[in-house]
Amino acid sequence: MSITIRRAEQADCPRLMELVRELALYEKAPGEVTVTLEHFVESGFGPSPVWWAIVAETAVSETEKNVVGFALYYIRYSTWKGQRMYLEDLLVTQEWRGKGIGSLLFQQLFQEARERQLKAVSWQVLDWNEPAINFYKKLNASFDGEWINCAVNV
């Protein structure tokens, strides 16, 4: 098994959108993905990117490669802590889970956070997603049950 972890490129965006839809299906919210491919590309690779991503790529053959996982993040600002990396989504496709790819993606995220001189990486997980929660526990992640998520569509 040959896995390459690398920064996402604009050409990866159609595949990343497929993976975003796969994640939404897994999270029981397939109708919630409303972003267009054009907006997704512009937001990540336009003149003022607001997100960055890391992909896990497998070599199907010498000439064919397939993205089987990704981690998409942005920089958020905490008035108490300063800049922090926020992991918006992480997914490894079903058939590639359990092979250490999630750990490789996190290792690269942590490295990028250190390079950007960020002090932490934070994210959310659904309370019913036991496989993810167990994986995050292995990373020594802390869990905060005190805060409630809020949003208003405008």
Protein backbone atom coordinates (compact mmCIF):
# COMPACT_ATOMS: atom_id res chain seq x y z
CA MET A 1 0.00 0.00 0.00
CA SER A 2 1.46 3.30 -1.10
CA ILE A 3 -0.08 6.36 0.57
CA THR A 4 1.05 9.90 -0.14
CA ILE A 5 0.00 12.75 2.13
CA ARG A 6 0.19 16.10 0.35
CA ARG A 7 -1.42 19.51 0.16
CA ALA A 8 -4.56 19.64 -1.91
CA GLU A 9 -4.37 21.16 -5.36
CA GLN A 10 -7.13 22.86 -7.33
CA ALA A 11 -7.43 19.79 -9.55
CA ASP A 12 -8.43 17.78 -6.45
CA CYS A 13 -11.59 19.83 -5.88
CA PRO A 14 -14.07 17.62 -7.78
CA ARG A 15 -12.87 14.59 -5.80
CA LEU A 16 -12.92 16.57 -2.55
CA MET A 17 -16.55 17.49 -3.22
CA GLU A 18 -17.33 13.79 -3.73
CA LEU A 19 -15.73 13.09 -0.35
CA VAL A 20 -17.65 15.96 1.28
CA ARG A 21 -20.87 14.37 0.02
CA GLU A 22 -19.73 10.97 1.32
CA LEU A 23 -19.11 12.54 4.73
CA ALA A 24 -22.53 14.22 4.71
CA LEU A 25 -24.16 10.87 3.91
CA TYR A 26 -22.25 9.23 6.78
CA GLU A 27 -23.36 12.03 9.10
CA LYS A 28 -26.98 11.48 8.03
CA ALA A 29 -27.26 14.89 6.38
CA PRO A 30 -26.84 14.40 2.62
CA GLY A 31 -29.18 17.28 1.77
CA GLU A 32 -27.13 19.76 3.77
CA VAL A 33 -24.33 20.04 1.17
CA THR A 34 -25.35 23.09 -0.84
CA VAL A 35 -21.98 24.55 -1.82
CA THR A 36 -21.26 24.52 -5.54
CA LEU A 37 -18.01 23.24 -6.99
CA GLU A 38 -17.29 26.73 -8.34
CA HIS A 39 -17.70 28.33 -4.91
CA PHE A 40 -15.64 25.57 -3.31
CA VAL A 41 -12.78 26.09 -5.78
CA GLU A 42 -12.89 29.90 -5.45
CA SER A 43 -12.89 29.65 -1.64
CA GLY A 44 -9.83 27.42 -1.59
CA PHE A 45 -7.84 28.53 -4.61
CA GLY A 46 -9.06 32.01 -5.49
CA PRO A 47 -7.20 35.25 -4.72
CA SER A 48 -8.12 35.12 -0.99
CA PRO A 49 -8.33 31.47 0.11
CA VAL A 50 -10.31 30.80 3.27
CA TRP A 51 -9.58 27.08 3.51
CA TRP A 52 -6.70 24.69 2.91
CA ALA A 53 -6.66 20.93 2.72
CA ILE A 54 -4.42 17.92 2.95
CA VAL A 55 -5.18 14.80 0.96
CA ALA A 56 -4.28 11.14 1.28
CA GLU A 57 -3.59 9.67 -2.13
CA THR A 58 -3.12 6.05 -3.13
CA ALA A 59 -1.35 4.80 -6.21
CA VAL A 60 -3.82 2.66 -8.14
CA SER A 61 -1.19 2.13 -10.84
CA GLU A 62 1.97 3.90 -11.95
CA THR A 63 -0.12 6.50 -13.76
CA GLU A 64 -3.40 6.49 -11.82
CA LYS A 65 -3.82 7.90 -8.32
CA ASN A 66 -6.89 8.23 -6.14
CA VAL A 67 -7.61 10.57 -3.23
CA VAL A 68 -9.01 8.36 -0.45
CA GLY A 69 -9.05 10.86 2.40
CA PHE A 70 -8.76 14.53 3.23
CA ALA A 71 -8.56 17.04 6.04
CA LEU A 72 -9.88 20.53 5.34
CA TYR A 73 -9.06 23.36 7.72
CA TYR A 74 -9.05 27.11 8.18
CA ILE A 75 -7.55 29.53 10.67
CA ARG A 76 -9.89 30.85 13.35
CA TYR A 77 -9.23 33.51 15.89
CA SER A 78 -9.82 33.20 19.62
CA THR A 79 -9.75 36.43 21.61
CA TRP A 80 -8.42 34.35 24.50
CA LYS A 81 -5.89 32.17 22.67
CA GLY A 82 -5.08 33.86 19.34
CA GLN A 83 -4.93 32.04 16.01
CA ARG A 84 -5.81 28.36 15.99
CA MET A 85 -6.28 25.79 13.26
CA TYR A 86 -9.88 24.65 12.93
CA LEU A 87 -10.39 21.28 11.29
CA GLU A 88 -13.67 21.57 9.42
CA ASP A 89 -13.78 18.06 7.97
CA LEU A 90 -11.72 14.90 7.98
CA LEU A 91 -12.72 11.80 6.08
CA VAL A 92 -11.08 8.57 5.06
CA THR A 93 -13.26 6.55 2.69
CA GLN A 94 -14.85 3.43 4.16
CA GLU A 95 -12.62 0.95 2.32
CA TRP A 96 -9.44 2.71 3.47
CA ARG A 97 -10.30 3.14 7.16
CA GLY A 98 -8.23 1.31 9.73
CA LYS A 99 -5.01 1.60 7.72
CA GLY A 100 -3.47 4.54 9.59
CA ILE A 101 -4.47 7.19 7.05
CA GLY A 102 -6.36 9.30 9.60
CA SER A 103 -3.28 9.34 11.80
CA LEU A 104 -1.12 10.40 8.86
CA LEU A 105 -3.53 13.23 8.04
CA PHE A 106 -3.49 14.41 11.66
CA GLN A 107 0.30 14.24 11.83
CA GLN A 108 0.48 16.51 8.79
CA LEU A 109 -2.14 18.86 10.27
CA PHE A 110 -0.15 19.13 13.49
CA GLN A 111 3.01 19.81 11.49
CA GLU A 112 1.32 22.57 9.49
CA ALA A 113 -0.06 24.10 12.71
CA ARG A 114 3.45 24.16 14.19
CA GLU A 115 4.86 25.71 10.98
CA ARG A 116 2.20 28.45 11.16
CA GLN A 117 3.04 28.91 14.86
CA LEU A 118 -0.49 28.00 15.91
CA LYS A 119 -0.93 26.65 19.41
CA ALA A 120 -3.78 24.20 18.85
CA VAL A 121 -5.95 22.34 16.40
CA SER A 122 -9.63 22.14 17.27
CA TRP A 123 -12.66 20.46 15.72
CA GLN A 124 -16.09 19.04 16.47
CA VAL A 125 -17.42 15.51 16.43
CA LEU A 126 -21.00 14.27 16.53
CA ASP A 127 -21.81 12.69 19.88
CA TRP A 128 -22.97 9.44 18.23
CA ASN A 129 -19.81 8.98 16.12
CA GLU A 130 -18.11 6.47 18.43
CA PRO A 131 -15.44 5.34 15.91
CA ALA A 132 -14.25 8.95 15.49
CA ILE A 133 -14.44 9.66 19.21
CA ASN A 134 -12.36 6.59 19.98
CA PHE A 135 -9.83 7.61 17.32
CA TYR A 136 -9.59 11.13 18.78
CA LYS A 137 -9.04 9.69 22.25
CA LYS A 138 -5.96 7.92 20.88
CA LEU A 139 -4.68 11.38 19.85
CA ASN A 140 -5.16 12.55 23.46
CA ALA A 141 -7.79 15.05 22.32
CA SER A 142 -9.73 16.83 25.02
CA PHE A 143 -13.52 16.87 24.82
CA ASP A 144 -15.65 19.81 25.96
CA GLY A 145 -19.28 19.00 26.67
CA GLU A 146 -20.04 22.47 28.00
CA TRP A 147 -20.42 24.50 24.80
CA ILE A 148 -23.49 24.38 22.56
CA ASN A 149 -23.19 25.02 18.82
CA CYS A 150 -25.20 27.96 17.47
CA ALA A 151 -25.87 29.21 13.95
CA VAL A 152 -28.25 31.51 12.09
CA ASN A 153 -28.76 31.21 8.34
CA VAL A 154 -28.74 34.65 6.75
